[in-house]
């Protein structure tokens, strides 16, 4: 079974962050994880401290682990479900968003400290 990461970089409409985060965490992530092949999800918020000159275009990141031998099917299933009762939408997302699937090109490498 092939493994992928789905990377979602996104922002909430200013002033609606609480509503956005509630929807994303409690509605959207569970909806996405009902799609066969979508295995795990974890959300992140941009840390206050960044490298000098780093762009701060997106405030929120979600990492999904995907395992499938038919990624086009998973992508199509997400498209079919979007905005339906199976994958409820929200009007709290500020465009643009960045949503991409990645596949590994190396094995996972750990530090010598571990």
C-alpha atoms as a PDB file:
ATOM      1  CA  UNK A   1       0.000   0.000   0.000  1.00  0.00           C
ATOM      2  CA  UNK A   2       1.458   3.356  -1.018  1.00  0.00           C
ATOM      3  CA  UNK A   3       1.793   6.056   1.637  1.00  0.00           C
ATOM      4  CA  UNK A   4       1.312   9.795   1.176  1.00  0.00           C
ATOM      5  CA  UNK A   5       1.079  12.978   3.204  1.00  0.00           C
ATOM      6  CA  UNK A   6      -1.719  15.418   2.522  1.00  0.00           C
ATOM      7  CA  UNK A   7      -0.546  18.905   3.491  1.00  0.00           C
ATOM      8  CA  UNK A   8      -3.184  21.583   4.051  1.00  0.00           C
ATOM      9  CA  UNK A   9      -2.071  25.184   4.661  1.00  0.00           C
ATOM     10  CA  UNK A  10      -4.994  27.476   5.370  1.00  0.00           C
ATOM     11  CA  UNK A  11      -6.250  30.610   7.113  1.00  0.00           C
ATOM     12  CA  UNK A  12      -9.459  31.567   8.841  1.00  0.00           C
ATOM     13  CA  UNK A  13     -11.377  34.723   8.066  1.00  0.00           C
ATOM     14  CA  UNK A  14     -10.145  37.362  10.505  1.00  0.00           C
ATOM     15  CA  UNK A  15     -12.316  37.467  13.614  1.00  0.00           C
ATOM     16  CA  UNK A  16     -13.803  34.025  12.947  1.00  0.00           C
ATOM     17  CA  UNK A  17     -10.833  31.911  14.052  1.00  0.00           C
ATOM     18  CA  UNK A  18     -12.695  30.208  16.917  1.00  0.00           C
ATOM     19  CA  UNK A  19     -15.583  29.197  14.636  1.00  0.00           C
ATOM     20  CA  UNK A  20     -13.119  28.013  11.970  1.00  0.00           C
ATOM     21  CA  UNK A  21     -11.050  25.954  14.428  1.00  0.00           C
ATOM     22  CA  UNK A  22     -14.150  24.375  15.943  1.00  0.00           C
ATOM     23  CA  UNK A  23     -15.413  23.379  12.485  1.00  0.00           C
ATOM     24  CA  UNK A  24     -12.029  22.124  11.289  1.00  0.00           C
ATOM     25  CA  UNK A  25     -11.240  20.079  14.395  1.00  0.00           C
ATOM     26  CA  UNK A  26     -14.692  18.757  15.274  1.00  0.00           C
ATOM     27  CA  UNK A  27     -16.406  18.499  11.868  1.00  0.00           C
ATOM     28  CA  UNK A  28     -13.967  18.546   8.964  1.00  0.00           C
ATOM     29  CA  UNK A  29     -11.210  16.261  10.249  1.00  0.00           C
ATOM     30  CA  UNK A  30     -13.677  13.543  11.333  1.00  0.00           C
ATOM     31  CA  UNK A  31     -15.461  13.851   7.955  1.00  0.00           C
ATOM     32  CA  UNK A  32     -12.202  13.496   6.017  1.00  0.00           C
ATOM     33  CA  UNK A  33     -11.125  10.496   8.071  1.00  0.00           C
ATOM     34  CA  UNK A  34     -14.229   8.554   6.950  1.00  0.00           C
ATOM     35  CA  UNK A  35     -12.766   8.391   3.431  1.00  0.00           C
ATOM     36  CA  UNK A  36     -11.059   5.032   2.866  1.00  0.00           C
ATOM     37  CA  UNK A  37      -7.296   5.552   2.794  1.00  0.00           C
ATOM     38  CA  UNK A  38      -7.304   8.631   5.031  1.00  0.00           C
ATOM     39  CA  UNK A  39      -5.595   7.310   8.172  1.00  0.00           C
ATOM     40  CA  UNK A  40      -4.588  10.116  10.556  1.00  0.00           C
ATOM     41  CA  UNK A  41      -4.780  13.871  10.948  1.00  0.00           C
ATOM     42  CA  UNK A  42      -3.041  16.407  13.141  1.00  0.00           C
ATOM     43  CA  UNK A  43      -3.528  20.176  13.176  1.00  0.00           C
ATOM     44  CA  UNK A  44      -0.904  22.832  13.904  1.00  0.00           C
ATOM     45  CA  UNK A  45      -0.776  26.598  14.355  1.00  0.00           C
ATOM     46  CA  UNK A  46       2.137  28.709  13.152  1.00  0.00           C
ATOM     47  CA  UNK A  47       4.649  29.210  15.962  1.00  0.00           C
ATOM     48  CA  UNK A  48       5.384  32.756  17.082  1.00  0.00           C
ATOM     49  CA  UNK A  49       9.112  32.405  16.420  1.00  0.00           C
ATOM     50  CA  UNK A  50      10.276  31.779  12.859  1.00  0.00           C
ATOM     51  CA  UNK A  51      13.508  32.023  10.931  1.00  0.00           C
ATOM     52  CA  UNK A  52      14.375  35.528   9.836  1.00  0.00           C
ATOM     53  CA  UNK A  53      12.653  36.376   6.565  1.00  0.00           C
ATOM     54  CA  UNK A  54      10.269  33.403   6.703  1.00  0.00           C
ATOM     55  CA  UNK A  55       6.935  34.045   5.026  1.00  0.00           C
ATOM     56  CA  UNK A  56       3.945  33.811   7.340  1.00  0.00           C
ATOM     57  CA  UNK A  57       1.312  33.355   4.656  1.00  0.00           C
ATOM     58  CA  UNK A  58      -0.583  30.550   6.398  1.00  0.00           C
ATOM     59  CA  UNK A  59      -1.504  30.342  10.064  1.00  0.00           C
ATOM     60  CA  UNK A  60      -2.833  26.765  10.179  1.00  0.00           C
ATOM     61  CA  UNK A  61      -1.396  23.447   8.969  1.00  0.00           C
ATOM     62  CA  UNK A  62      -3.041  20.047   8.885  1.00  0.00           C
ATOM     63  CA  UNK A  63      -1.037  16.899   8.134  1.00  0.00           C
ATOM     64  CA  UNK A  64      -2.910  13.813   7.014  1.00  0.00           C
ATOM     65  CA  UNK A  65      -1.438  10.343   6.582  1.00  0.00           C
ATOM     66  CA  UNK A  66      -2.883   8.612   3.545  1.00  0.00           C
ATOM     67  CA  UNK A  67      -2.465   4.939   2.605  1.00  0.00           C
ATOM     68  CA  UNK A  68      -3.900   3.839  -0.724  1.00  0.00           C
ATOM     69  CA  UNK A  69      -3.059   2.160  -3.969  1.00  0.00           C
ATOM     70  CA  UNK A  70      -5.505   4.488  -5.753  1.00  0.00           C
ATOM     71  CA  UNK A  71      -4.726   8.116  -4.896  1.00  0.00           C
ATOM     72  CA  UNK A  72      -6.828   9.482  -7.788  1.00  0.00           C
ATOM     73  CA  UNK A  73      -9.848   7.698  -6.264  1.00  0.00           C
ATOM     74  CA  UNK A  74      -9.196   9.304  -2.851  1.00  0.00           C
ATOM     75  CA  UNK A  75      -8.850  12.737  -4.450  1.00  0.00           C
ATOM     76  CA  UNK A  76     -12.061  12.246  -6.430  1.00  0.00           C
ATOM     77  CA  UNK A  77     -13.922  10.999  -3.354  1.00  0.00           C
ATOM     78  CA  UNK A  78     -12.906  14.147  -1.469  1.00  0.00           C
ATOM     79  CA  UNK A  79     -14.223  16.235  -4.375  1.00  0.00           C
ATOM     80  CA  UNK A  80     -17.525  14.314  -4.504  1.00  0.00           C
ATOM     81  CA  UNK A  81     -18.112  14.638  -0.747  1.00  0.00           C
ATOM     82  CA  UNK A  82     -17.110  18.313  -0.429  1.00  0.00           C
ATOM     83  CA  UNK A  83     -20.088  20.472   0.553  1.00  0.00           C
ATOM     84  CA  UNK A  84     -22.383  17.508   1.201  1.00  0.00           C
ATOM     85  CA  UNK A  85     -23.583  16.118   4.558  1.00  0.00           C
ATOM     86  CA  UNK A  86     -20.641  13.685   4.292  1.00  0.00           C
ATOM     87  CA  UNK A  87     -18.153  16.597   4.280  1.00  0.00           C
ATOM     88  CA  UNK A  88     -19.803  19.729   5.599  1.00  0.00           C
ATOM     89  CA  UNK A  89     -18.347  23.030   4.355  1.00  0.00           C
ATOM     90  CA  UNK A  90     -17.860  26.335   6.155  1.00  0.00           C
ATOM     91  CA  UNK A  91     -17.731  29.987   5.175  1.00  0.00           C
ATOM     92  CA  UNK A  92     -14.927  30.742   7.645  1.00  0.00           C
ATOM     93  CA  UNK A  93     -12.012  29.920   5.304  1.00  0.00           C
ATOM     94  CA  UNK A  94      -9.980  32.847   3.996  1.00  0.00           C
ATOM     95  CA  UNK A  95      -8.588  32.254   0.501  1.00  0.00           C
ATOM     96  CA  UNK A  96      -6.166  31.171  -0.692  1.00  0.00           C
ATOM     97  CA  UNK A  97      -5.419  27.708   0.693  1.00  0.00           C
ATOM     98  CA  UNK A  98      -2.675  25.270  -0.290  1.00  0.00           C
ATOM     99  CA  UNK A  99      -3.714  21.608  -0.455  1.00  0.00           C
ATOM    100  CA  UNK A 100      -1.249  19.059  -1.845  1.00  0.00           C
ATOM    101  CA  UNK A 101      -0.491  15.344  -1.653  1.00  0.00           C
ATOM    102  CA  UNK A 102       3.164  14.316  -1.307  1.00  0.00           C
ATOM    103  CA  UNK A 103       4.801  10.929  -1.591  1.00  0.00           C
ATOM    104  CA  UNK A 104       8.023   9.976   0.198  1.00  0.00           C
ATOM    105  CA  UNK A 105      11.253   9.851  -1.760  1.00  0.00           C
ATOM    106  CA  UNK A 106      13.441   8.716   1.158  1.00  0.00           C
ATOM    107  CA  UNK A 107      13.105   6.633   4.271  1.00  0.00           C
ATOM    108  CA  UNK A 108      12.405   8.446   7.545  1.00  0.00           C
ATOM    109  CA  UNK A 109      15.666   9.592   9.123  1.00  0.00           C
ATOM    110  CA  UNK A 110      16.001  10.217  12.870  1.00  0.00           C
ATOM    111  CA  UNK A 111      18.591  12.188  14.791  1.00  0.00           C
ATOM    112  CA  UNK A 112      21.425  10.574  16.723  1.00  0.00           C
ATOM    113  CA  UNK A 113      19.825  11.912  19.939  1.00  0.00           C
ATOM    114  CA  UNK A 114      16.972   9.387  19.777  1.00  0.00           C
END
